[in-house]
Amino acid sequence: MSEHESQSPDHEAPQPAPDASPDATPEPQHPVDAARIKVMATELKEPNIWLIRSIAGMLGMEAVEGLFQRTLEIEAAGGMMTKEGDRRRTTGGVFFLLARDQMTSRQRRKVFGLPPRPLNTKKERKPPPPPKPPKPKPAAIDLAQAVALLKATLSVDPQKRGIAVMKTTIIGRPKQIKKLGECTLVVLGQKAPPAMPKGLPPVPDTSKATIAVFIANKQWEKAEAALKADEKDEIIVEGYPVNDPKNQLTGIWAQSCTTKGIQRAKRA
């Protein structure tokens, strides 16, 4: 399909001007060599022979021959992109663009307008389907139901559970620090959780929860130095958690330990 058929920016289709407009005055028509026009259309791979014939009648065969040769030169040099630059123009599209540039605005209106009505028929649009009734929203789960569901998972046969490696991330500034030989134990409280996605049950109260983190000294020493250098810096720990829900205690065996300040310095 050429640009003319798709009504792309390469060229537009003709439309007869209204009799009442200034363009109603006939333009002088040049003789047209129909056989030569057909050969050009074949070379240009352009099915809209009638449009090339209209241009020839408006500009003359000599001008059309010049446009044809210029089009072949452009194609041999790699073609021409569309105005948007997203694709290459068809050979016919290049020809029509060159023709438009050579015409006066009046001539362009005579040749390049909307297609005549027989070529511009519009398909009747099908009526849109009736809107589907909205699905009823499922009831939200409250905290008591969530706790009951968690307890119910304990009865699932271990052989029927999937196996996963669980990692957790801790971000905060510890105040309780105890060095233990080759590792360091830091203790933190747990902040209130952020807003959770809609549909999740409420999060249990964690105001009394305790997080105890074991960190290898080699990792802790770098983090400790960063914390001393910046009183607002916080550690970032990723590790393997072990939970003691009865005492609201979570133990973390750290796999990595850094700080926000160290990470910012690496990105800088």
Protein backbone atom coordinates (compact mmCIF):
# COMPACT_ATOMS: atom_id res chain seq x y z
CA MET A 1 0.00 0.00 0.00
CA SER A 2 1.39 3.44 -0.91
CA GLU A 3 1.32 6.54 1.27
CA HIS A 4 -1.57 7.85 -0.77
CA GLU A 5 -3.74 4.86 0.04
CA SER A 6 -3.10 5.19 3.77
CA GLN A 7 -3.36 8.99 3.67
CA SER A 8 0.10 9.32 5.24
CA PRO A 9 2.03 12.62 5.35
CA ASP A 10 3.82 11.59 2.12
CA HIS A 11 0.95 12.81 -0.02
CA GLU A 12 -2.77 13.39 0.13
CA ALA A 13 -5.55 12.36 -2.19
CA PRO A 14 -7.34 14.84 -4.47
CA GLN A 15 -10.68 16.50 -3.81
CA PRO A 16 -12.59 18.67 -6.24
CA ALA A 17 -12.83 22.19 -4.89
CA PRO A 18 -16.32 23.69 -4.37
CA ASP A 19 -17.64 25.75 -7.26
CA ALA A 20 -18.03 28.79 -5.02
CA SER A 21 -14.32 28.89 -4.02
CA PRO A 22 -11.62 30.95 -5.78
CA ASP A 23 -10.03 27.66 -6.92
CA ALA A 24 -13.06 26.94 -9.09
CA THR A 25 -11.35 28.76 -11.96
CA PRO A 26 -9.92 26.03 -14.19
CA GLU A 27 -6.13 25.66 -14.29
CA PRO A 28 -4.61 25.38 -17.77
CA GLN A 29 -4.20 21.68 -18.53
CA HIS A 30 -1.11 20.29 -20.23
CA PRO A 31 -1.25 17.35 -22.61
CA VAL A 32 -0.59 14.03 -20.88
CA ASP A 33 1.28 11.03 -22.29
CA ALA A 34 -0.80 8.22 -20.72
CA ALA A 35 1.59 5.46 -21.84
CA ARG A 36 4.60 7.22 -20.34
CA ILE A 37 2.66 7.89 -17.11
CA LYS A 38 1.93 4.16 -16.86
CA VAL A 39 5.65 3.33 -17.22
CA MET A 40 6.54 5.86 -14.51
CA ALA A 41 3.90 4.46 -12.16
CA THR A 42 5.32 0.96 -12.65
CA GLU A 43 8.87 2.18 -11.92
CA LEU A 44 7.64 4.05 -8.83
CA LYS A 45 5.57 1.03 -7.69
CA GLU A 46 2.71 3.50 -7.31
CA PRO A 47 -0.84 2.18 -7.95
CA ASN A 48 -2.43 5.66 -8.04
CA ILE A 49 -1.77 6.31 -11.73
CA TRP A 50 -4.64 8.81 -11.86
CA LEU A 51 -2.83 11.03 -9.35
CA ILE A 52 0.38 11.03 -11.40
CA ARG A 53 -1.77 11.85 -14.46
CA SER A 54 -3.35 14.77 -12.56
CA ILE A 55 0.10 16.11 -11.69
CA ALA A 56 1.19 15.82 -15.32
CA GLY A 57 -1.92 17.70 -16.42
CA MET A 58 -1.16 20.43 -13.91
CA LEU A 59 2.63 20.77 -14.37
CA GLY A 60 3.27 19.26 -17.78
CA MET A 61 5.12 16.12 -18.87
CA GLU A 62 8.52 17.82 -18.88
CA ALA A 63 8.16 18.77 -15.20
CA VAL A 64 6.91 15.29 -14.33
CA GLU A 65 9.91 13.72 -16.09
CA GLY A 66 12.18 15.89 -13.94
CA LEU A 67 10.35 14.84 -10.78
CA PHE A 68 10.58 11.20 -11.84
CA GLN A 69 14.35 11.37 -12.41
CA ARG A 70 14.89 13.22 -9.11
CA THR A 71 12.89 10.50 -7.31
CA LEU A 72 15.07 7.75 -8.79
CA GLU A 73 18.21 9.64 -7.69
CA ILE A 74 16.90 9.91 -4.11
CA GLU A 75 16.03 6.21 -4.03
CA ALA A 76 19.48 5.27 -5.35
CA ALA A 77 21.03 7.37 -2.57
CA GLY A 78 19.15 5.53 0.16
CA GLY A 79 15.65 6.96 0.00
CA MET A 80 13.89 9.56 2.12
CA MET A 81 12.43 9.22 5.63
CA THR A 82 8.98 10.45 6.62
CA LYS A 83 8.61 13.73 8.52
CA GLU A 84 8.38 11.82 11.81
CA GLY A 85 11.55 9.90 10.95
CA ASP A 86 10.03 6.56 11.96
CA ARG A 87 10.04 4.91 8.53
CA ARG A 88 11.23 5.30 4.96
CA ARG A 89 8.88 6.83 2.41
CA THR A 90 7.70 4.69 -0.46
CA THR A 91 9.08 5.58 -3.88
CA GLY A 92 5.69 6.96 -4.88
CA GLY A 93 5.57 8.95 -1.66
CA VAL A 94 8.90 10.62 -2.52
CA PHE A 95 7.58 11.51 -5.98
CA PHE A 96 4.38 13.04 -4.62
CA LEU A 97 6.29 15.05 -2.01
CA LEU A 98 8.57 16.51 -4.69
CA ALA A 99 5.51 17.32 -6.79
CA ARG A 100 3.82 19.14 -3.92
CA ASP A 101 6.92 21.24 -3.34
CA GLN A 102 6.94 22.31 -6.99
CA MET A 103 3.29 23.40 -7.02
CA THR A 104 1.64 26.60 -5.94
CA SER A 105 -0.76 26.37 -3.01
CA ARG A 106 -3.66 26.64 -5.44
CA GLN A 107 -2.32 23.81 -7.58
CA ARG A 108 -1.80 21.65 -4.51
CA ARG A 109 -5.42 22.19 -3.46
CA LYS A 110 -6.53 21.19 -6.95
CA VAL A 111 -4.52 17.96 -7.01
CA PHE A 112 -4.01 16.95 -3.38
CA GLY A 113 -7.22 17.09 -1.40
CA LEU A 114 -9.47 14.53 0.20
CA PRO A 115 -10.48 11.69 -2.12
CA PRO A 116 -13.75 11.97 -4.01
CA ARG A 117 -16.68 10.54 -2.11
CA PRO A 118 -16.64 7.15 -3.86
CA LEU A 119 -13.07 6.66 -2.58
CA ASN A 120 -13.80 8.06 0.85
CA THR A 121 -16.67 5.87 1.94
CA LYS A 122 -16.79 5.24 5.65
CA LYS A 123 -17.77 1.96 7.17
CA GLU A 124 -20.63 2.09 9.57
CA ARG A 125 -19.42 1.69 13.10
CA LYS A 126 -20.84 -1.13 15.11
CA PRO A 127 -22.58 -0.04 18.28
CA PRO A 128 -20.40 -0.61 21.34
CA PRO A 129 -21.29 -3.67 23.41
CA PRO A 130 -23.28 -2.96 26.56
CA PRO A 131 -21.08 -2.44 29.61
CA LYS A 132 -20.56 -5.48 31.77
CA PRO A 133 -21.95 -5.26 35.28
CA PRO A 134 -19.17 -4.65 37.82
CA LYS A 135 -18.00 -7.66 39.75
CA PRO A 136 -18.88 -7.59 43.44
CA LYS A 137 -15.90 -6.67 45.58
CA PRO A 138 -14.71 -9.46 47.89
CA ALA A 139 -14.95 -8.74 51.59
CA ALA A 140 -11.74 -7.50 53.22
CA ILE A 141 -9.94 -9.80 55.68
CA ASP A 142 -9.66 -8.42 59.21
CA LEU A 143 -6.76 -9.00 61.59
CA ALA A 144 -8.45 -11.84 63.50
CA GLN A 145 -9.08 -13.72 60.25
CA ALA A 146 -5.49 -13.15 59.15
CA VAL A 147 -4.12 -14.57 62.43
CA ALA A 148 -6.43 -17.59 62.13
CA LEU A 149 -5.25 -18.22 58.58
CA LEU A 150 -1.61 -18.03 59.66
CA LYS A 151 -2.23 -20.58 62.41
CA ALA A 152 -4.06 -22.84 59.95
CA THR A 153 -0.97 -23.02 57.76
CA LEU A 154 0.80 -24.92 60.56
CA SER A 155 -1.39 -27.94 59.84
CA VAL A 156 -0.22 -28.21 56.22
CA ASP A 157 1.81 -31.39 55.68
CA PRO A 158 5.51 -30.39 55.33
CA GLN A 159 5.76 -32.73 52.32
CA LYS A 160 3.10 -30.67 50.55
CA ARG A 161 4.68 -27.27 51.15
CA GLY A 162 6.88 -25.51 48.65
CA ILE A 163 10.44 -24.82 49.77
CA ALA A 164 11.84 -21.29 49.73
CA VAL A 165 14.86 -19.33 50.88
CA MET A 166 13.70 -16.34 52.89
CA LYS A 167 15.73 -13.14 53.04
CA THR A 168 14.80 -9.99 54.87
CA THR A 169 16.11 -6.43 54.76
CA ILE A 170 16.63 -4.27 57.83
CA ILE A 171 17.11 -0.49 57.55
CA GLY A 172 17.69 1.53 60.70
CA ARG A 173 20.15 3.04 63.17
CA PRO A 174 20.93 0.72 66.10
CA LYS A 175 21.51 2.08 69.60
CA GLN A 176 22.27 -1.22 71.33
CA ILE A 177 25.53 -2.78 70.07
CA LYS A 178 27.42 -5.70 71.62
CA LYS A 179 30.63 -7.15 70.20
CA LEU A 180 30.89 -10.95 70.49
CA GLY A 181 34.28 -12.22 69.42
CA GLU A 182 34.06 -12.62 65.62
CA CYS A 183 30.61 -11.03 65.23
CA THR A 184 28.59 -8.12 66.55
CA LEU A 185 25.01 -8.14 67.85
CA VAL A 186 22.89 -5.04 67.22
CA VAL A 187 19.37 -4.60 68.57
CA LEU A 188 16.60 -2.47 67.03
CA GLY A 189 12.90 -1.90 67.50
CA GLN A 190 10.44 -2.15 64.63
CA LYS A 191 8.81 0.90 63.06
CA ALA A 192 5.14 0.94 62.18
CA PRO A 193 4.71 -0.51 58.68
CA PRO A 194 4.04 1.79 55.71
CA ALA A 195 0.73 1.82 53.85
CA MET A 196 0.10 -1.64 52.44
CA PRO A 197 -1.53 -2.49 49.09
CA LYS A 198 -5.30 -2.36 49.07
CA GLY A 199 -6.93 -5.68 49.95
CA LEU A 200 -4.36 -6.90 52.49
CA PRO A 201 -5.47 -7.49 56.08
CA PRO A 202 -4.24 -5.12 58.80
CA VAL A 203 -0.70 -5.69 60.10
CA PRO A 204 -0.49 -6.77 63.76
CA ASP A 205 0.87 -4.28 66.29
CA THR A 206 4.69 -4.35 66.16
CA SER A 207 5.43 -1.53 68.60
CA LYS A 208 6.94 -4.00 71.09
CA ALA A 209 8.75 -6.15 68.53
CA THR A 210 12.51 -6.67 68.82
CA ILE A 211 14.99 -7.24 66.00
CA ALA A 212 18.37 -8.74 66.91
CA VAL A 213 20.98 -8.88 64.15
CA PHE A 214 24.23 -10.90 64.13
CA ILE A 215 26.79 -9.23 61.82
CA ALA A 216 30.29 -10.45 60.97
CA ASN A 217 32.87 -8.01 62.37
CA LYS A 218 34.48 -7.45 58.96
CA GLN A 219 31.17 -6.13 57.63
CA TRP A 220 30.22 -4.29 60.81
CA GLU A 221 33.48 -2.31 61.08
CA LYS A 222 32.85 -0.49 57.79
CA ALA A 223 29.23 0.22 58.71
CA GLU A 224 30.20 1.36 62.21
CA ALA A 225 32.72 3.86 60.82
CA ALA A 226 30.07 5.29 58.49
CA LEU A 227 27.56 5.62 61.36
CA LYS A 228 30.11 7.50 63.47
CA ALA A 229 30.89 9.86 60.58
CA ASP A 230 27.22 10.71 59.95
CA GLU A 231 24.75 10.80 62.81
CA LYS A 232 21.84 10.46 60.35
CA ASP A 233 23.22 7.46 58.47
CA GLU A 234 21.44 4.09 58.76
CA ILE A 235 22.55 0.50 58.26
CA ILE A 236 21.12 -1.69 55.51
CA VAL A 237 21.25 -5.38 56.41
CA GLU A 238 20.14 -8.34 54.32
CA GLY A 239 20.01 -11.68 56.02
CA TYR A 240 18.29 -14.87 57.04
CA PRO A 241 15.49 -14.35 59.59
CA VAL A 242 14.42 -16.62 62.44
CA ASN A 243 11.17 -15.70 64.19
CA ASP A 244 9.99 -16.15 67.76
CA PRO A 245 6.40 -14.87 67.49
CA LYS A 246 5.58 -15.65 71.11
CA ASN A 247 8.10 -13.06 72.29
CA GLN A 248 7.76 -10.79 69.20
CA LEU A 249 11.43 -11.40 68.48
CA THR A 250 13.12 -11.74 65.09
CA GLY A 251 16.73 -12.83 64.84
CA ILE A 252 18.67 -11.95 61.67
CA TRP A 253 21.86 -13.70 60.53
CA ALA A 254 23.34 -10.99 58.28
CA GLN A 255 24.63 -11.90 54.83
CA SER A 256 25.52 -8.31 53.96
CA CYS A 257 25.77 -5.07 55.90
CA THR A 258 26.28 -1.56 54.54
CA THR A 259 24.84 1.91 55.11
CA LYS A 260 22.88 4.44 53.10
CA GLY A 261 25.91 6.74 53.09
CA ILE A 262 28.22 4.06 51.73
CA GLN A 263 25.75 3.28 48.95
CA ARG A 264 25.41 6.96 48.02
CA ALA A 265 29.19 7.27 47.80
CA LYS A 266 29.38 4.28 45.44
CA ARG A 267 26.77 5.81 43.11
CA ALA A 268 28.46 9.21 43.05
